[in-house]
Amino acid sequence: MSMNLAEPILAQPEQRVVLEGVSWQQYEILLATLGDDFPNLRLSYLSLFHPFSEE
């Protein structure tokens, strides 16, 4: 009698694409365009504000 063990699932390396200069409106359009066609795709919007220093 032989036992069949499931092969381990190896994690794929994470891949990133950084889009700079994208407005919030453009980001929402991108989300709507991609829709549910890419269930493993994770999108994030990062907006950094740097206050001007007064000297």
C-alpha atoms as a PDB file:
ATOM      1  CA  MET A   1       0.000   0.000   0.000  1.00  0.00           C
ATOM      2  CA  SER A   2       1.498   3.362  -1.004  1.00  0.00           C
ATOM      3  CA  MET A   3       0.552   6.760   0.321  1.00  0.00           C
ATOM      4  CA  ASN A   4       0.240   9.710  -2.064  1.00  0.00           C
ATOM      5  CA  LEU A   5       1.277  12.972  -0.476  1.00  0.00           C
ATOM      6  CA  ALA A   6       0.195  16.236  -2.015  1.00  0.00           C
ATOM      7  CA  GLU A   7       3.083  18.237  -3.378  1.00  0.00           C
ATOM      8  CA  PRO A   8       3.745  21.382  -1.355  1.00  0.00           C
ATOM      9  CA  ILE A   9       2.617  24.627  -2.923  1.00  0.00           C
ATOM     10  CA  LEU A  10       5.579  26.973  -3.149  1.00  0.00           C
ATOM     11  CA  ALA A  11       4.887  30.669  -2.688  1.00  0.00           C
ATOM     12  CA  GLN A  12       5.540  32.748  -5.763  1.00  0.00           C
ATOM     13  CA  PRO A  13       7.783  35.780  -5.303  1.00  0.00           C
ATOM     14  CA  GLU A  14       5.878  39.027  -5.003  1.00  0.00           C
ATOM     15  CA  GLN A  15       5.953  41.279  -8.034  1.00  0.00           C
ATOM     16  CA  ARG A  16       5.327  45.019  -7.820  1.00  0.00           C
ATOM     17  CA  VAL A  17       4.632  47.774 -10.274  1.00  0.00           C
ATOM     18  CA  VAL A  18       4.836  51.366  -9.057  1.00  0.00           C
ATOM     19  CA  LEU A  19       2.904  54.023 -10.942  1.00  0.00           C
ATOM     20  CA  GLU A  20       3.869  57.567  -9.990  1.00  0.00           C
ATOM     21  CA  GLY A  21       1.846  60.690 -10.624  1.00  0.00           C
ATOM     22  CA  VAL A  22      -1.505  58.861 -10.674  1.00  0.00           C
ATOM     23  CA  SER A  23      -4.428  60.867  -9.332  1.00  0.00           C
ATOM     24  CA  TRP A  24      -7.128  59.345  -7.161  1.00  0.00           C
ATOM     25  CA  GLN A  25      -9.548  59.595 -10.093  1.00  0.00           C
ATOM     26  CA  GLN A  26      -7.109  57.720 -12.353  1.00  0.00           C
ATOM     27  CA  TYR A  27      -6.654  55.075  -9.663  1.00  0.00           C
ATOM     28  CA  GLU A  28     -10.417  54.537  -9.460  1.00  0.00           C
ATOM     29  CA  ILE A  29     -10.593  54.219 -13.253  1.00  0.00           C
ATOM     30  CA  LEU A  30      -7.810  51.626 -13.131  1.00  0.00           C
ATOM     31  CA  LEU A  31      -9.734  49.653 -10.493  1.00  0.00           C
ATOM     32  CA  ALA A  32     -12.924  49.791 -12.559  1.00  0.00           C
ATOM     33  CA  THR A  33     -11.077  48.778 -15.746  1.00  0.00           C
ATOM     34  CA  LEU A  34      -9.421  45.751 -14.139  1.00  0.00           C
ATOM     35  CA  GLY A  35     -12.652  44.726 -12.427  1.00  0.00           C
ATOM     36  CA  ASP A  36     -12.726  41.164 -11.137  1.00  0.00           C
ATOM     37  CA  ASP A  37     -10.550  39.778 -13.940  1.00  0.00           C
ATOM     38  CA  PHE A  38      -7.501  39.565 -11.653  1.00  0.00           C
ATOM     39  CA  PRO A  39      -8.599  38.074  -8.315  1.00  0.00           C
ATOM     40  CA  ASN A  40      -5.034  37.817  -6.955  1.00  0.00           C
ATOM     41  CA  LEU A  41      -4.126  41.390  -7.849  1.00  0.00           C
ATOM     42  CA  ARG A  42      -3.833  43.768  -4.928  1.00  0.00           C
ATOM     43  CA  LEU A  43      -3.756  47.505  -5.591  1.00  0.00           C
ATOM     44  CA  SER A  44      -2.828  50.228  -3.141  1.00  0.00           C
ATOM     45  CA  TYR A  45      -2.927  53.998  -3.399  1.00  0.00           C
ATOM     46  CA  LEU A  46      -0.342  55.928  -1.438  1.00  0.00           C
ATOM     47  CA  SER A  47      -0.441  59.680  -1.246  1.00  0.00           C
ATOM     48  CA  LEU A  48       2.189  61.567   0.725  1.00  0.00           C
ATOM     49  CA  PHE A  49       1.884  65.218   1.553  1.00  0.00           C
ATOM     50  CA  HIS A  50       4.971  67.192   2.526  1.00  0.00           C
ATOM     51  CA  PRO A  51       4.203  70.489   4.196  1.00  0.00           C
ATOM     52  CA  PHE A  52       6.340  73.378   3.071  1.00  0.00           C
ATOM     53  CA  SER A  53       8.724  74.616   5.721  1.00  0.00           C
ATOM     54  CA  GLU A  54       8.742  78.347   6.286  1.00  0.00           C
ATOM     55  CA  GLU A  55      12.131  79.841   6.983  1.00  0.00           C
END
